[in-house]
Amino acid sequence: MAKRTTILVSKSFYQMGVVTLAASVVWI
């Protein structure tokens, strides 16, 4: 269960990073 939670967290962090990257590309 802890492993699944870790994967979920890292996945959402990855998505947030991608969204932030796309947003900064759009803003620049």
N, C-alpha and C. Protein backbone atom coordinates (compact mmCIF):
# COMPACT_ATOMS: atom_id res chain seq x y z
N MET A 1 0.84 -1.20 0.00
CA MET A 1 0.00 0.00 0.00
C MET A 1 0.88 1.25 0.00
N ALA A 2 1.93 1.23 0.80
CA ALA A 2 2.81 2.40 0.85
C ALA A 2 3.45 2.62 -0.52
N LYS A 3 3.80 1.51 -1.19
CA LYS A 3 4.43 1.63 -2.49
C LYS A 3 3.46 2.29 -3.48
N ARG A 4 2.21 1.85 -3.44
CA ARG A 4 1.22 2.41 -4.36
C ARG A 4 1.04 3.90 -4.09
N THR A 5 1.03 4.28 -2.80
CA THR A 5 0.87 5.70 -2.46
C THR A 5 2.06 6.49 -2.98
N THR A 6 3.26 5.93 -2.85
CA THR A 6 4.45 6.63 -3.32
C THR A 6 4.37 6.84 -4.82
N ILE A 7 3.93 5.81 -5.55
CA ILE A 7 3.81 5.92 -7.01
C ILE A 7 2.79 7.00 -7.35
N LEU A 8 1.68 7.00 -6.63
CA LEU A 8 0.63 8.00 -6.88
C LEU A 8 1.19 9.40 -6.66
N VAL A 9 1.91 9.59 -5.55
CA VAL A 9 2.44 10.91 -5.22
C VAL A 9 3.45 11.35 -6.28
N SER A 10 4.36 10.46 -6.65
CA SER A 10 5.37 10.84 -7.64
C SER A 10 4.71 11.13 -8.98
N LYS A 11 3.65 10.40 -9.30
CA LYS A 11 2.95 10.64 -10.56
C LYS A 11 2.32 12.02 -10.57
N SER A 12 1.66 12.39 -9.46
CA SER A 12 1.01 13.71 -9.41
C SER A 12 2.08 14.81 -9.40
N PHE A 13 3.22 14.55 -8.73
CA PHE A 13 4.30 15.54 -8.73
C PHE A 13 4.82 15.72 -10.15
N TYR A 14 4.95 14.61 -10.89
CA TYR A 14 5.41 14.68 -12.28
C TYR A 14 4.44 15.49 -13.12
N GLN A 15 3.13 15.25 -12.92
CA GLN A 15 2.12 16.01 -13.66
C GLN A 15 2.22 17.49 -13.33
N MET A 16 2.40 17.82 -12.03
CA MET A 16 2.51 19.22 -11.64
C MET A 16 3.73 19.86 -12.30
N GLY A 17 4.83 19.12 -12.36
CA GLY A 17 6.04 19.65 -12.99
C GLY A 17 5.80 19.91 -14.47
N VAL A 18 5.12 18.99 -15.15
CA VAL A 18 4.83 19.17 -16.58
C VAL A 18 3.94 20.39 -16.78
N VAL A 19 2.92 20.52 -15.93
CA VAL A 19 2.00 21.67 -16.05
C VAL A 19 2.77 22.97 -15.81
N THR A 20 3.64 22.98 -14.80
CA THR A 20 4.41 24.19 -14.51
C THR A 20 5.32 24.53 -15.67
N LEU A 21 5.97 23.51 -16.24
CA LEU A 21 6.86 23.73 -17.38
C LEU A 21 6.07 24.31 -18.56
N ALA A 22 4.92 23.72 -18.87
CA ALA A 22 4.10 24.21 -19.97
C ALA A 22 3.65 25.65 -19.70
N ALA A 23 3.28 25.93 -18.45
CA ALA A 23 2.82 27.28 -18.11
C ALA A 23 3.95 28.29 -18.30
N SER A 24 5.15 27.97 -17.85
CA SER A 24 6.27 28.90 -18.00
C SER A 24 6.61 29.09 -19.47
N VAL A 25 6.49 28.03 -20.28
CA VAL A 25 6.76 28.15 -21.72
C VAL A 25 5.74 29.10 -22.34
N VAL A 26 4.48 28.96 -21.92
CA VAL A 26 3.42 29.82 -22.47
C VAL A 26 3.63 31.26 -22.03
N TRP A 27 4.04 31.45 -20.77
CA TRP A 27 4.19 32.80 -20.23
C TRP A 27 5.37 33.53 -20.86
N ILE A 28 6.43 32.79 -21.20
CA ILE A 28 7.65 33.46 -21.71
C ILE A 28 7.49 33.92 -23.15
